[in-house]
Amino acid sequence: MPLQEINFDGIIGPSHNYAGLSLGNLASSRNAGLVSHPRAAALQGVEKMRHNLRLGLAQGAFVPLPRPNHEWLSDLGTTADEAPDTVRAAAYSASAMWAANAATVSPAPDTADGRCHLTVANLRTMAHRSHEWPDTLAQLRLAFADGAHFRVHAPVPPTFGDEGAANHMRLCTGHPQPGVEVFVYGKRGGAFPARQHVEASRAVARLHGLDPQRTLFVAQSEEAIAAGAFHNDVVAVANEHVLFAHERAFEERDVFYADLCRLMPEVEIVEVPASAVSLADAVKSYLFNAQLVTLPEGGMALILPEEARETPSVWSWLQTMAAGNGPIRKLLVVDVRQSMANGGGPACLRLRVAADPLAVDPRFIMNEAKLDRISDVITRAWPERIVPADLKTRDLREAVEAARGALLEEMELTELL
């Protein structure tokens, strides 16, 4: 089977809560301390996967990581019962649901050895995410165990922060064709940290054996980071030959566009002007954290959160664009409000892997029947609601651990227990 883009969504875990742990993520900070609804969140995520399957797209899924992370707490000399509130909250974090931060992916046509390379992200900038990588790495090495097709790398050393595919784009004339890989890094963002270091991006490119002549390193604009675009995928997204970006996404925009057009003359740049959609509206609506996908019948669609439709400047611009002669013709809206309230839109929830689906462990590849079974487990086992005080209780801990165990049994992935 030829290479096909597979979207691997993170199943939203049973400990999904609003602890406000992510500095620079405005939604996360704004909703800190509110009541979360893990069951509703996870079911929304499953319905997004079902929506994509019905479009004819290939769909995979990753399972939640063990929470609370007892091993990490032990390394800090504490336990889930005794840890300070912020440490306990970090140990319970369900942020691995945002699979765009799981790894950076370079498909086989771009790499020196002709295999798809994945480097797990170290996520060192944020404490609540810095302990994800060992369990993420174990899951990736299980899903992509076929050494003839894949190579899965451990993270870049924590000297340099790496946030995975959320700061990486690939442009090509078709997924099976060689592409131009774009690594977007940050320098400063006012009061907020720039999470992706250029040296981490360069290390990933070397590990993947990319052609230096077809690899670009581009600085995200400080203005965008300061506005709450903590990852590039909050202000830009690419698919095949199309780059969809905000006018203020990149620090040296004209240089980047010129380099991209030189390397790939077929590229189409769809830019949203700041005069039409402000950075604030782009971040609030997660306009660019949409999934830009190629439909089986041809043409491209944007899979957008409800918040994009509810933001007048964004929806007006999108309707005008879709009615024109550009490459993006369909606007498809999904409800991921529980994820959005913690700062992650449709694109955050998925990791794109261009590969032969038959080379992937089939337990990670979704169909309608599997999603039905996953929904049944979520409905039966996921907590209905979590308030911050619940993180201190043994009842929640036991419920979260039992729920994850039930899901792994249903998906026959008990080696990840």
Protein backbone atom coordinates (compact mmCIF):
# COMPACT_ATOMS: atom_id res chain seq x y z
CA MET A 1 0.00 0.00 0.00
CA PRO A 2 1.40 3.49 -0.81
CA LEU A 3 2.06 6.00 1.95
CA GLN A 4 -1.06 7.48 3.47
CA GLU A 5 -1.42 10.20 6.06
CA ILE A 6 -2.73 8.73 9.31
CA ASN A 7 -3.96 11.05 12.05
CA PHE A 8 -3.25 9.54 15.47
CA ASP A 9 -5.44 11.23 18.08
CA GLY A 10 -4.73 11.11 21.78
CA ILE A 11 -7.65 9.57 23.67
CA ILE A 12 -8.42 12.12 26.39
CA GLY A 13 -7.51 10.57 29.72
CA PRO A 14 -9.70 10.06 32.80
CA SER A 15 -7.66 12.60 34.82
CA HIS A 16 -8.48 15.50 32.45
CA ASN A 17 -8.66 18.55 34.72
CA TYR A 18 -8.13 22.31 34.71
CA ALA A 19 -5.11 23.01 36.90
CA GLY A 20 -3.80 25.96 34.85
CA LEU A 21 -0.29 24.51 34.62
CA SER A 22 0.71 25.83 31.19
CA LEU A 23 2.26 29.33 31.28
CA GLY A 24 1.64 31.10 27.98
CA ASN A 25 -1.42 28.98 27.18
CA LEU A 26 -4.14 31.58 27.74
CA ALA A 27 -7.06 29.15 27.80
CA SER A 28 -5.31 26.94 30.34
CA SER A 29 -4.62 29.90 32.62
CA ARG A 30 -8.08 31.43 32.19
CA ASN A 31 -9.90 28.23 33.13
CA ALA A 32 -7.67 27.18 36.04
CA GLY A 33 -9.70 25.75 38.90
CA LEU A 34 -12.90 25.19 36.95
CA VAL A 35 -14.81 21.92 36.94
CA SER A 36 -13.67 19.58 34.17
CA HIS A 37 -15.68 16.80 32.57
CA PRO A 38 -13.32 13.96 31.58
CA ARG A 39 -16.08 11.69 30.25
CA ALA A 40 -17.54 14.39 28.01
CA ALA A 41 -14.04 15.41 26.90
CA ALA A 42 -13.05 11.90 25.89
CA LEU A 43 -16.34 11.28 24.08
CA GLN A 44 -15.88 14.55 22.16
CA GLY A 45 -12.45 13.31 21.09
CA VAL A 46 -13.85 9.97 19.96
CA GLU A 47 -16.54 11.74 17.93
CA LYS A 48 -13.86 13.83 16.21
CA MET A 49 -12.09 10.62 15.21
CA ARG A 50 -15.38 9.16 14.00
CA HIS A 51 -16.02 12.33 11.97
CA ASN A 52 -12.65 11.94 10.25
CA LEU A 53 -13.19 8.26 9.55
CA ARG A 54 -16.47 9.10 7.86
CA LEU A 55 -14.62 11.57 5.63
CA GLY A 56 -12.55 8.61 4.41
CA LEU A 57 -9.40 9.60 6.32
CA ALA A 58 -7.09 7.09 7.99
CA GLN A 59 -7.37 7.33 11.76
CA GLY A 60 -5.26 6.02 14.62
CA ALA A 61 -5.29 6.56 18.38
CA PHE A 62 -2.88 6.68 21.30
CA VAL A 63 -3.94 5.70 24.80
CA PRO A 64 -3.68 7.90 27.91
CA LEU A 65 -0.49 7.69 29.95
CA PRO A 66 -0.48 6.31 33.53
CA ARG A 67 -1.78 8.95 35.92
CA PRO A 68 -0.90 9.93 38.52
CA ASN A 69 2.69 9.29 37.52
CA HIS A 70 3.89 7.47 40.63
CA GLU A 71 7.39 6.88 39.26
CA TRP A 72 7.94 10.60 38.66
CA LEU A 73 6.59 11.44 42.12
CA SER A 74 8.94 8.86 43.64
CA ASP A 75 11.89 10.45 41.81
CA LEU A 76 10.86 13.72 43.50
CA GLY A 77 10.82 12.01 46.90
CA THR A 78 7.08 12.20 47.40
CA THR A 79 3.77 10.44 46.76
CA ALA A 80 0.35 11.33 45.37
CA ASP A 81 -0.90 11.70 48.97
CA GLU A 82 1.97 13.87 50.23
CA ALA A 83 3.02 15.98 47.22
CA PRO A 84 2.48 19.74 47.16
CA ASP A 85 -0.66 20.69 45.26
CA THR A 86 1.17 21.91 42.13
CA VAL A 87 3.35 18.80 41.98
CA ARG A 88 0.35 16.53 42.48
CA ALA A 89 -1.53 18.36 39.73
CA ALA A 90 1.43 17.90 37.39
CA ALA A 91 1.50 14.18 38.17
CA TYR A 92 -2.20 13.94 37.23
CA SER A 93 -1.91 16.00 34.04
CA ALA A 94 -3.72 14.54 31.02
CA SER A 95 -1.85 16.79 28.59
CA ALA A 96 -0.50 13.82 26.63
CA MET A 97 -3.95 13.83 24.99
CA TRP A 98 -2.47 16.49 22.70
CA ALA A 99 -0.63 14.06 20.47
CA ALA A 100 0.80 16.86 18.31
CA ASN A 101 3.38 17.15 21.10
CA ALA A 102 4.19 13.44 21.20
CA ALA A 103 6.94 13.52 18.58
CA THR A 104 8.28 15.04 15.40
CA VAL A 105 7.69 12.88 12.33
CA SER A 106 9.66 12.73 9.06
CA PRO A 107 8.12 10.38 6.48
CA ALA A 108 10.25 7.91 4.54
CA PRO A 109 10.51 9.99 1.31
CA ASP A 110 12.41 12.69 3.22
CA THR A 111 14.94 10.58 5.14
CA ALA A 112 18.35 9.23 4.18
CA ASP A 113 17.53 5.60 5.06
CA GLY A 114 14.03 5.55 3.52
CA ARG A 115 12.28 4.89 6.83
CA CYS A 116 9.77 7.04 8.71
CA HIS A 117 11.56 8.61 11.67
CA LEU A 118 9.88 9.75 14.88
CA THR A 119 11.66 11.60 17.70
CA VAL A 120 9.71 11.77 20.94
CA ALA A 121 9.51 15.32 22.34
CA ASN A 122 11.21 16.09 25.65
CA LEU A 123 8.71 18.86 26.57
CA ARG A 124 11.22 20.14 29.11
CA THR A 125 9.81 23.69 29.36
CA MET A 126 6.72 22.74 31.38
CA ALA A 127 7.03 20.56 34.49
CA HIS A 128 3.66 18.86 33.98
CA ARG A 129 4.69 17.71 30.50
CA SER A 130 8.38 17.01 31.10
CA HIS A 131 7.64 13.56 32.54
CA GLU A 132 5.51 12.36 29.60
CA TRP A 133 8.28 11.21 27.29
CA PRO A 134 9.23 7.78 28.78
CA ASP A 135 5.66 6.49 28.50
CA THR A 136 5.12 8.18 25.14
CA LEU A 137 8.32 6.58 23.86
CA ALA A 138 7.17 3.13 25.00
CA GLN A 139 3.86 3.61 23.18
CA LEU A 140 5.48 4.88 19.96
CA ARG A 141 7.94 1.98 19.94
CA LEU A 142 5.02 -0.41 20.23
CA ALA A 143 2.87 1.24 17.56
CA PHE A 144 5.77 1.67 15.13
CA ALA A 145 7.77 -1.43 15.94
CA ASP A 146 8.35 -2.51 12.32
CA GLY A 147 12.03 -1.67 11.88
CA ALA A 148 11.84 -1.98 8.12
CA HIS A 149 9.47 1.00 8.00
CA PHE A 150 10.11 3.03 11.16
CA ARG A 151 12.80 4.29 13.47
CA VAL A 152 11.72 5.77 16.80
CA HIS A 153 14.27 7.97 18.58
CA ALA A 154 14.57 8.86 22.25
CA PRO A 155 14.21 12.59 22.97
CA VAL A 156 16.78 15.27 22.32
CA PRO A 157 18.71 15.80 25.60
CA PRO A 158 16.88 18.26 27.88
CA THR A 159 19.56 20.91 27.32
CA PHE A 160 17.26 22.14 24.52
CA GLY A 161 13.47 22.21 24.63
CA ASP A 162 11.58 20.24 21.98
CA GLU A 163 7.79 20.34 21.63
CA GLY A 164 7.31 17.89 18.78
CA ALA A 165 5.14 18.24 15.70
CA ALA A 166 3.35 21.33 17.04
CA ASN A 167 6.41 23.27 15.84
CA HIS A 168 7.03 21.33 12.63
CA MET A 169 5.41 21.46 9.19
CA ARG A 170 5.91 19.43 6.03
CA LEU A 171 5.03 20.60 2.53
CA CYS A 172 5.01 18.33 -0.50
CA THR A 173 3.23 17.73 -3.79
CA GLY A 174 1.72 14.57 -2.29
CA HIS A 175 2.35 12.61 0.90
CA PRO A 176 4.36 9.87 -0.90
CA GLN A 177 6.60 12.51 -2.53
CA PRO A 178 9.76 14.07 -1.03
CA GLY A 179 8.89 17.15 0.96
CA VAL A 180 10.26 20.34 2.43
CA GLU A 181 10.37 20.12 6.23
CA VAL A 182 9.96 23.34 8.20
CA PHE A 183 11.03 23.55 11.84
CA VAL A 184 9.65 26.58 13.68
CA TYR A 185 11.49 27.71 16.80
CA GLY A 186 11.02 30.49 19.30
CA LYS A 187 13.32 33.14 20.72
CA ARG A 188 11.30 35.28 23.13
CA GLY A 189 7.64 35.96 23.74
CA GLY A 190 7.46 38.78 26.25
CA ALA A 191 6.22 37.34 29.55
CA PHE A 192 5.81 33.87 28.04
CA PRO A 193 8.52 31.29 27.34
CA ALA A 194 9.51 30.26 23.83
CA ARG A 195 9.27 26.50 24.13
CA GLN A 196 11.02 25.26 20.98
CA HIS A 197 14.81 25.76 20.82
CA VAL A 198 16.46 25.98 17.43
CA GLU A 199 19.18 23.53 18.49
CA ALA A 200 16.54 20.93 19.37
CA SER A 201 15.06 21.36 15.89
CA ARG A 202 18.48 21.02 14.25
CA ALA A 203 19.18 17.88 16.29
CA VAL A 204 15.90 16.27 15.18
CA ALA A 205 16.66 17.07 11.54
CA ARG A 206 20.08 15.40 11.87
CA LEU A 207 18.65 12.36 13.65
CA HIS A 208 16.10 11.92 10.88
CA GLY A 209 18.71 12.15 8.14
CA LEU A 210 17.00 15.05 6.37
CA ASP A 211 18.48 16.75 3.33
CA PRO A 212 19.85 20.11 4.58
CA GLN A 213 18.99 21.63 1.21
CA ARG A 214 15.29 20.83 1.74
CA THR A 215 15.02 21.71 5.42
CA LEU A 216 14.14 25.16 6.77
CA PHE A 217 14.50 26.58 10.28
CA VAL A 218 12.17 29.51 10.83
CA ALA A 219 11.67 31.76 13.86
CA GLN A 220 8.15 32.15 15.19
CA SER A 221 7.31 35.81 15.72
CA GLU A 222 7.77 37.12 19.22
CA GLU A 223 4.49 38.98 18.79
CA ALA A 224 2.65 35.70 18.19
CA ILE A 225 4.18 34.03 21.26
CA ALA A 226 3.30 37.04 23.39
CA ALA A 227 -0.29 36.84 22.09
CA GLY A 228 -0.59 33.26 23.37
CA ALA A 229 0.64 31.26 20.37
CA PHE A 230 2.74 28.98 22.55
CA HIS A 231 3.24 26.60 19.59
CA ASN A 232 3.49 27.32 15.88
CA ASP A 233 0.36 25.29 15.23
CA VAL A 234 -1.69 28.01 16.92
CA VAL A 235 -0.81 30.41 14.05
CA ALA A 236 0.08 28.18 11.07
CA VAL A 237 -0.69 24.78 9.56
CA ALA A 238 0.47 23.08 6.35
CA ASN A 239 -0.84 20.23 4.25
CA GLU A 240 0.73 18.95 1.02
CA HIS A 241 1.40 22.07 -1.12
CA VAL A 242 -0.62 24.51 1.04
CA LEU A 243 0.62 26.72 3.87
CA PHE A 244 -2.20 28.35 5.85
CA ALA A 245 -0.82 31.00 8.21
CA HIS A 246 -1.50 34.26 10.00
CA GLU A 247 0.30 37.31 8.65
CA ARG A 248 2.15 37.70 11.99
CA ALA A 249 3.10 34.04 12.44
CA PHE A 250 6.79 34.27 11.50
CA GLU A 251 9.58 36.64 12.50
CA GLU A 252 11.10 36.98 9.00
CA ARG A 253 8.02 36.18 6.98
CA ASP A 254 9.21 37.42 3.59
CA VAL A 255 12.49 35.52 3.80
CA PHE A 256 10.68 32.33 4.79
CA TYR A 257 8.14 32.64 1.99
CA ALA A 258 10.89 33.27 -0.56
CA ASP A 259 12.89 30.24 0.60
CA LEU A 260 9.78 28.05 0.55
CA CYS A 261 8.81 29.14 -2.96
CA ARG A 262 12.37 28.51 -4.15
CA LEU A 263 12.39 24.96 -2.78
CA MET A 264 8.82 24.22 -3.77
CA PRO A 265 7.47 26.36 -6.63
CA GLU A 266 4.09 24.58 -6.40
CA VAL A 267 3.42 25.94 -2.90
CA GLU A 268 0.24 27.93 -2.30
CA ILE A 269 0.38 30.32 0.66
CA VAL A 270 -3.00 31.20 2.11
CA GLU A 271 -2.33 34.05 4.51
CA VAL A 272 -4.88 35.60 6.86
CA PRO A 273 -4.20 39.33 7.18
CA ALA A 274 -4.01 40.86 10.64
CA SER A 275 -6.39 43.56 9.45
CA ALA A 276 -9.09 40.91 9.00
CA VAL A 277 -8.32 38.60 11.95
CA SER A 278 -6.29 39.84 14.88
CA LEU A 279 -3.77 37.60 16.62
CA ALA A 280 -6.05 37.73 19.66
CA ASP A 281 -9.00 36.37 17.64
CA ALA A 282 -6.80 33.76 15.96
CA VAL A 283 -5.60 32.48 19.33
CA LYS A 284 -9.04 32.64 20.97
CA SER A 285 -10.72 30.74 18.13
CA TYR A 286 -7.85 28.35 17.32
CA LEU A 287 -8.43 29.12 13.66
CA PHE A 288 -5.02 27.70 12.72
CA ASN A 289 -5.18 24.79 15.13
CA ALA A 290 -7.54 23.21 12.65
CA GLN A 291 -6.77 20.02 10.79
CA LEU A 292 -6.01 20.90 7.18
CA VAL A 293 -6.65 17.67 5.29
CA THR A 294 -6.85 16.35 1.74
CA LEU A 295 -10.17 14.64 1.12
CA PRO A 296 -10.28 11.30 -0.73
CA GLU A 297 -12.48 12.82 -3.44
CA GLY A 298 -9.98 15.65 -3.90
CA GLY A 299 -9.68 19.15 -2.52
CA MET A 300 -8.83 20.28 0.98
CA ALA A 301 -10.93 20.89 4.06
CA LEU A 302 -10.37 22.66 7.37
CA ILE A 303 -11.65 20.74 10.40
CA LEU A 304 -12.31 23.58 12.85
CA PRO A 305 -13.43 23.91 16.47
CA GLU A 306 -16.86 25.39 17.22
CA GLU A 307 -15.07 28.43 18.62
CA ALA A 308 -13.95 29.41 15.10
CA ARG A 309 -17.57 29.61 13.96
CA GLU A 310 -18.44 31.64 17.07
CA THR A 311 -15.76 34.28 16.44
CA PRO A 312 -17.28 36.75 13.93
CA SER A 313 -14.05 38.00 12.35
CA VAL A 314 -12.76 34.45 11.88
CA TRP A 315 -15.95 32.95 10.46
CA SER A 316 -16.50 35.87 8.09
CA TRP A 317 -12.98 35.54 6.69
CA LEU A 318 -13.26 31.75 6.39
CA GLN A 319 -16.54 31.92 4.49
CA THR A 320 -15.08 34.41 2.03
CA MET A 321 -12.01 32.21 1.55
CA ALA A 322 -14.00 29.01 1.02
CA ALA A 323 -16.19 30.71 -1.57
CA GLY A 324 -13.17 31.78 -3.61
CA ASN A 325 -10.84 29.96 -5.97
CA GLY A 326 -8.23 28.93 -3.40
CA PRO A 327 -7.23 25.38 -2.44
CA ILE A 328 -9.31 25.20 0.79
CA ARG A 329 -12.97 24.78 -0.14
CA LYS A 330 -14.68 23.04 2.79
CA LEU A 331 -15.16 24.17 6.40
CA LEU A 332 -16.05 21.33 8.77
CA VAL A 333 -16.79 22.09 12.43
CA VAL A 334 -16.31 19.71 15.38
CA ASP A 335 -17.03 20.09 19.08
CA VAL A 336 -13.91 19.72 21.24
CA ARG A 337 -14.86 22.31 23.86
CA GLN A 338 -13.39 20.40 26.81
CA SER A 339 -10.01 20.25 25.09
CA MET A 340 -10.27 23.87 23.96
CA ALA A 341 -10.92 24.99 27.53
CA ASN A 342 -7.49 23.61 28.45
CA GLY A 343 -5.82 25.16 25.39
CA GLY A 344 -5.89 22.47 22.69
CA GLY A 345 -7.85 22.43 19.45
CA PRO A 346 -8.45 19.76 16.79
CA ALA A 347 -4.87 19.83 15.52
CA CYS A 348 -3.40 19.59 19.03
CA LEU A 349 -5.20 16.29 19.51
CA ARG A 350 -3.49 14.53 16.61
CA LEU A 351 -0.07 13.45 15.37
CA ARG A 352 0.24 13.14 11.59
CA VAL A 353 2.19 10.13 10.32
CA ALA A 354 2.56 9.52 6.57
CA ALA A 355 3.19 5.78 6.35
CA ASP A 356 1.84 2.47 5.13
CA PRO A 357 -1.04 1.71 7.56
CA LEU A 358 -0.29 -2.01 7.24
CA ALA A 359 3.13 -1.40 8.83
CA VAL A 360 1.55 0.02 12.01
CA ASP A 361 0.53 -2.20 14.92
CA PRO A 362 -3.17 -2.73 14.08
CA ARG A 363 -4.24 -2.17 17.68
CA PHE A 364 -3.55 1.54 17.16
CA ILE A 365 -5.55 1.83 13.91
CA MET A 366 -9.19 2.82 14.37
CA ASN A 367 -12.45 1.83 12.73
CA GLU A 368 -16.06 2.48 13.72
CA ALA A 369 -16.40 -0.73 15.71
CA LYS A 370 -13.27 0.02 17.76
CA LEU A 371 -14.48 3.53 18.46
CA ASP A 372 -17.80 2.09 19.65
CA ARG A 373 -15.97 -0.14 22.12
CA ILE A 374 -13.75 2.71 23.29
CA SER A 375 -16.83 4.92 23.79
CA ASP A 376 -18.44 2.18 25.87
CA VAL A 377 -15.41 2.02 28.18
CA ILE A 378 -15.30 5.80 28.53
CA THR A 379 -19.03 6.02 29.29
CA ARG A 380 -18.69 3.29 31.90
CA ALA A 381 -15.36 4.16 33.55
CA TRP A 382 -14.33 7.81 33.04
CA PRO A 383 -15.14 10.25 35.88
CA GLU A 384 -18.06 12.52 35.04
CA ARG A 385 -16.44 15.58 36.66
CA ILE A 386 -13.28 16.62 38.49
CA VAL A 387 -12.79 19.64 40.74
CA PRO A 388 -9.28 20.57 41.98
CA ALA A 389 -9.89 19.18 45.46
CA ASP A 390 -10.58 15.74 43.95
CA LEU A 391 -6.90 15.35 43.06
CA LYS A 392 -6.19 14.86 46.77
CA THR A 393 -8.54 11.91 47.14
CA ARG A 394 -7.82 8.21 46.97
CA ASP A 395 -11.21 7.68 45.32
CA LEU A 396 -10.22 9.70 42.25
CA ARG A 397 -6.82 8.04 42.04
CA GLU A 398 -8.36 4.57 42.07
CA ALA A 399 -11.03 5.58 39.55
CA VAL A 400 -8.48 7.07 37.13
CA GLU A 401 -6.21 4.06 37.31
CA ALA A 402 -9.08 1.59 36.93
CA ALA A 403 -10.46 3.51 33.93
CA ARG A 404 -7.16 3.47 32.08
CA GLY A 405 -6.73 -0.23 32.84
CA ALA A 406 -10.18 -0.99 31.43
CA LEU A 407 -9.35 0.86 28.21
CA LEU A 408 -6.02 -0.95 27.76
CA GLU A 409 -7.74 -4.29 28.27
CA GLU A 410 -10.40 -3.41 25.70
CA MET A 411 -7.71 -2.36 23.18
CA GLU A 412 -5.53 -5.40 24.02
CA LEU A 413 -2.64 -3.13 25.00
CA THR A 414 -2.07 -4.43 28.51
CA GLU A 415 1.72 -4.40 28.02
CA LEU A 416 1.41 -0.62 28.53
CA LEU A 417 -0.03 -1.05 32.04
